[in-house]
C-alpha atoms as a PDB file:
ATOM      1  CA  MET A   1     285.923 164.183  -2.132  1.00  0.00           C
ATOM      2  CA  ASN A   2     284.736 161.458  -4.466  1.00  0.00           C
ATOM      3  CA  SER A   3     286.376 161.970  -7.875  1.00  0.00           C
ATOM      4  CA  THR A   4     283.626 160.126  -9.790  1.00  0.00           C
ATOM      5  CA  VAL A   5     280.953 162.420  -8.360  1.00  0.00           C
ATOM      6  CA  LYS A   6     283.100 165.496  -9.069  1.00  0.00           C
ATOM      7  CA  THR A   7     283.619 164.325 -12.663  1.00  0.00           C
ATOM      8  CA  TYR A   8     279.847 163.771 -12.973  1.00  0.00           C
ATOM      9  CA  PHE A   9     279.090 167.341 -11.841  1.00  0.00           C
ATOM     10  CA  ASP A  10     281.847 168.805 -14.037  1.00  0.00           C
ATOM     11  CA  ALA A  11     280.289 166.979 -17.009  1.00  0.00           C
ATOM     12  CA  PHE A  12     276.809 168.262 -16.054  1.00  0.00           C
ATOM     13  CA  ASN A  13     278.038 171.858 -15.994  1.00  0.00           C
ATOM     14  CA  ALA A  14     279.812 171.355 -19.329  1.00  0.00           C
ATOM     15  CA  GLY A  15     276.592 170.008 -20.878  1.00  0.00           C
ATOM     16  CA  ASP A  16     278.464 166.792 -21.705  1.00  0.00           C
ATOM     17  CA  VAL A  17     275.901 163.991 -21.353  1.00  0.00           C
ATOM     18  CA  GLU A  18     278.340 161.380 -22.728  1.00  0.00           C
ATOM     19  CA  ALA A  19     280.834 162.204 -19.977  1.00  0.00           C
ATOM     20  CA  MET A  20     278.032 161.965 -17.405  1.00  0.00           C
ATOM     21  CA  LEU A  21     277.050 158.551 -18.784  1.00  0.00           C
ATOM     22  CA  ALA A  22     280.676 157.417 -18.507  1.00  0.00           C
ATOM     23  CA  CYS A  23     280.419 157.967 -14.727  1.00  0.00           C
ATOM     24  CA  LEU A  24     277.419 155.632 -14.414  1.00  0.00           C
ATOM     25  CA  SER A  25     277.101 151.875 -14.068  1.00  0.00           C
ATOM     26  CA  ASP A  26     275.125 150.190 -16.851  1.00  0.00           C
ATOM     27  CA  ASP A  27     272.311 149.422 -14.390  1.00  0.00           C
ATOM     28  CA  VAL A  28     272.228 152.860 -12.757  1.00  0.00           C
ATOM     29  CA  ALA A  29     269.034 153.570 -10.802  1.00  0.00           C
ATOM     30  CA  HIS A  30     268.008 157.189 -11.339  1.00  0.00           C
ATOM     31  CA  HIS A  31     265.516 158.414  -8.733  1.00  0.00           C
ATOM     32  CA  VAL A  32     264.219 161.756  -9.974  1.00  0.00           C
ATOM     33  CA  ASN A  33     262.366 164.349  -7.935  1.00  0.00           C
ATOM     34  CA  GLU A  34     259.031 163.394  -9.526  1.00  0.00           C
ATOM     35  CA  GLY A  35     259.285 160.043  -7.716  1.00  0.00           C
ATOM     36  CA  GLN A  36     259.909 157.775 -10.698  1.00  0.00           C
ATOM     37  CA  ILE A  37     262.877 155.397 -10.869  1.00  0.00           C
ATOM     38  CA  ARG A  38     264.571 154.984 -14.230  1.00  0.00           C
ATOM     39  CA  VAL A  39     266.974 152.044 -14.542  1.00  0.00           C
ATOM     40  CA  GLY A  40     269.829 151.977 -17.049  1.00  0.00           C
ATOM     41  CA  LYS A  41     271.959 154.412 -18.986  1.00  0.00           C
ATOM     42  CA  GLU A  42     269.505 154.591 -21.911  1.00  0.00           C
ATOM     43  CA  LYS A  43     266.726 155.937 -19.700  1.00  0.00           C
ATOM     44  CA  PHE A  44     269.157 158.312 -17.996  1.00  0.00           C
ATOM     45  CA  ALA A  45     270.234 159.643 -21.403  1.00  0.00           C
ATOM     46  CA  ALA A  46     266.587 160.135 -22.463  1.00  0.00           C
ATOM     47  CA  PHE A  47     265.922 162.058 -19.242  1.00  0.00           C
ATOM     48  CA  CYS A  48     268.949 164.275 -19.925  1.00  0.00           C
ATOM     49  CA  ALA A  49     267.784 164.947 -23.498  1.00  0.00           C
ATOM     50  CA  HIS A  50     264.371 166.041 -22.216  1.00  0.00           C
ATOM     51  CA  MET A  51     265.870 168.242 -19.512  1.00  0.00           C
ATOM     52  CA  ASN A  52     268.357 169.849 -21.913  1.00  0.00           C
ATOM     53  CA  ARG A  53     265.537 170.661 -24.339  1.00  0.00           C
ATOM     54  CA  CYS A  54     263.385 172.343 -21.677  1.00  0.00           C
ATOM     55  CA  TYR A  55     265.990 173.766 -19.285  1.00  0.00           C
ATOM     56  CA  ARG A  56     269.497 175.192 -19.269  1.00  0.00           C
ATOM     57  CA  GLU A  57     271.043 174.627 -15.848  1.00  0.00           C
ATOM     58  CA  ASN A  58     274.369 175.259 -14.178  1.00  0.00           C
ATOM     59  CA  LEU A  59     275.248 174.106 -10.679  1.00  0.00           C
ATOM     60  CA  THR A  60     277.219 176.316  -8.295  1.00  0.00           C
ATOM     61  CA  ASP A  61     278.327 176.169  -4.674  1.00  0.00           C
ATOM     62  CA  ILE A  62     278.745 172.385  -4.953  1.00  0.00           C
ATOM     63  CA  VAL A  63     279.786 170.632  -1.755  1.00  0.00           C
ATOM     64  CA  ILE A  64     280.419 166.875  -2.015  1.00  0.00           C
ATOM     65  CA  PHE A  65     280.303 164.599   1.031  1.00  0.00           C
ATOM     66  CA  GLU A  66     281.625 161.046   1.041  1.00  0.00           C
ATOM     67  CA  ALA A  67     280.709 158.172   3.368  1.00  0.00           C
ATOM     68  CA  GLU A  68     281.178 154.446   3.828  1.00  0.00           C
ATOM     69  CA  HIS A  69     284.688 154.406   2.349  1.00  0.00           C
ATOM     70  CA  GLY A  70     283.547 155.812  -0.995  1.00  0.00           C
ATOM     71  CA  ALA A  71     280.503 153.570  -1.420  1.00  0.00           C
ATOM     72  CA  ARG A  72     278.108 156.467  -0.862  1.00  0.00           C
ATOM     73  CA  ALA A  73     278.225 160.194  -1.459  1.00  0.00           C
ATOM     74  CA  ALA A  74     275.979 163.228  -1.272  1.00  0.00           C
ATOM     75  CA  ALA A  75     276.155 166.714  -2.715  1.00  0.00           C
ATOM     76  CA  GLU A  76     274.510 170.023  -1.948  1.00  0.00           C
ATOM     77  CA  PHE A  77     274.401 172.751  -4.585  1.00  0.00           C
ATOM     78  CA  ILE A  78     272.519 175.676  -6.107  1.00  0.00           C
ATOM     79  CA  VAL A  79     270.708 175.129  -9.423  1.00  0.00           C
ATOM     80  CA  ASN A  80     270.844 178.217 -11.654  1.00  0.00           C
ATOM     81  CA  GLY A  81     268.500 177.698 -14.557  1.00  0.00           C
ATOM     82  CA  THR A  82     266.524 179.053 -17.469  1.00  0.00           C
ATOM     83  CA  TYR A  83     263.199 177.574 -18.577  1.00  0.00           C
ATOM     84  CA  LEU A  84     263.667 177.225 -22.360  1.00  0.00           C
ATOM     85  CA  GLU A  85     260.756 175.193 -23.722  1.00  0.00           C
ATOM     86  CA  THR A  86     257.388 174.399 -22.174  1.00  0.00           C
ATOM     87  CA  ASP A  87     257.519 171.157 -20.214  1.00  0.00           C
ATOM     88  CA  GLU A  88     254.342 169.066 -20.162  1.00  0.00           C
ATOM     89  CA  GLY A  89     252.130 169.926 -17.210  1.00  0.00           C
ATOM     90  CA  LEU A  90     253.990 173.134 -16.393  1.00  0.00           C
ATOM     91  CA  PRO A  91     253.321 176.781 -17.265  1.00  0.00           C
ATOM     92  CA  GLU A  92     254.408 178.062 -20.661  1.00  0.00           C
ATOM     93  CA  ALA A  93     258.140 178.759 -20.991  1.00  0.00           C
ATOM     94  CA  HIS A  94     259.175 182.369 -21.597  1.00  0.00           C
ATOM     95  CA  GLY A  95     262.842 182.187 -20.653  1.00  0.00           C
ATOM     96  CA  GLN A  96     262.082 182.409 -16.941  1.00  0.00           C
ATOM     97  CA  THR A  97     265.142 182.081 -14.724  1.00  0.00           C
ATOM     98  CA  TYR A  98     265.372 180.361 -11.375  1.00  0.00           C
ATOM     99  CA  ARG A  99     267.848 179.730  -8.595  1.00  0.00           C
ATOM    100  CA  LEU A 100     267.158 177.052  -6.016  1.00  0.00           C
ATOM    101  CA  PRO A 101     268.939 174.864  -3.512  1.00  0.00           C
ATOM    102  CA  ALA A 102     269.105 171.145  -4.284  1.00  0.00           C
ATOM    103  CA  GLY A 103     270.912 167.969  -3.406  1.00  0.00           C
ATOM    104  CA  SER A 104     271.784 164.552  -4.764  1.00  0.00           C
ATOM    105  CA  PHE A 105     272.633 161.236  -3.150  1.00  0.00           C
ATOM    106  CA  PHE A 106     274.793 158.562  -4.749  1.00  0.00           C
ATOM    107  CA  ASP A 107     275.666 154.890  -4.376  1.00  0.00           C
ATOM    108  CA  LEU A 108     278.983 153.934  -5.962  1.00  0.00           C
ATOM    109  CA  ARG A 109     280.181 150.531  -7.086  1.00  0.00           C
ATOM    110  CA  ASP A 110     283.459 149.664  -8.838  1.00  0.00           C
ATOM    111  CA  GLY A 111     284.255 153.357  -9.437  1.00  0.00           C
ATOM    112  CA  LYS A 112     280.885 154.069 -11.083  1.00  0.00           C
ATOM    113  CA  ILE A 113     277.693 155.699  -9.851  1.00  0.00           C
ATOM    114  CA  SER A 114     275.042 153.000  -9.420  1.00  0.00           C
ATOM    115  CA  ARG A 115     272.305 155.205  -7.925  1.00  0.00           C
ATOM    116  CA  VAL A 116     271.494 158.904  -8.299  1.00  0.00           C
ATOM    117  CA  THR A 117     268.706 160.393  -6.193  1.00  0.00           C
ATOM    118  CA  THR A 118     267.919 164.073  -6.725  1.00  0.00           C
END
């Protein structure tokens, strides 16, 4: 199992954005499920701030796969969440809860995550 990816997920579940950022390369490419690509830690941090304002999420049943001698990894997990604040373009938030399967793909370089695709 890739320790950088495990540390990243542990930080996510702890709500520790700084620890997540420490796992990323400065030029990280963040491919989010809306199809946009955000490049750099600053944009990743802004995305996290938005998500943490609108959603509270915890990941369970995490399985991490590693390939290409640690240069790539993937993870499958369950997202357990609560919709806290209305997100633009979505229905009004009323504390709705959700549970859904998800996955992420990673490129790793020099012990850091250089690409996250969710």
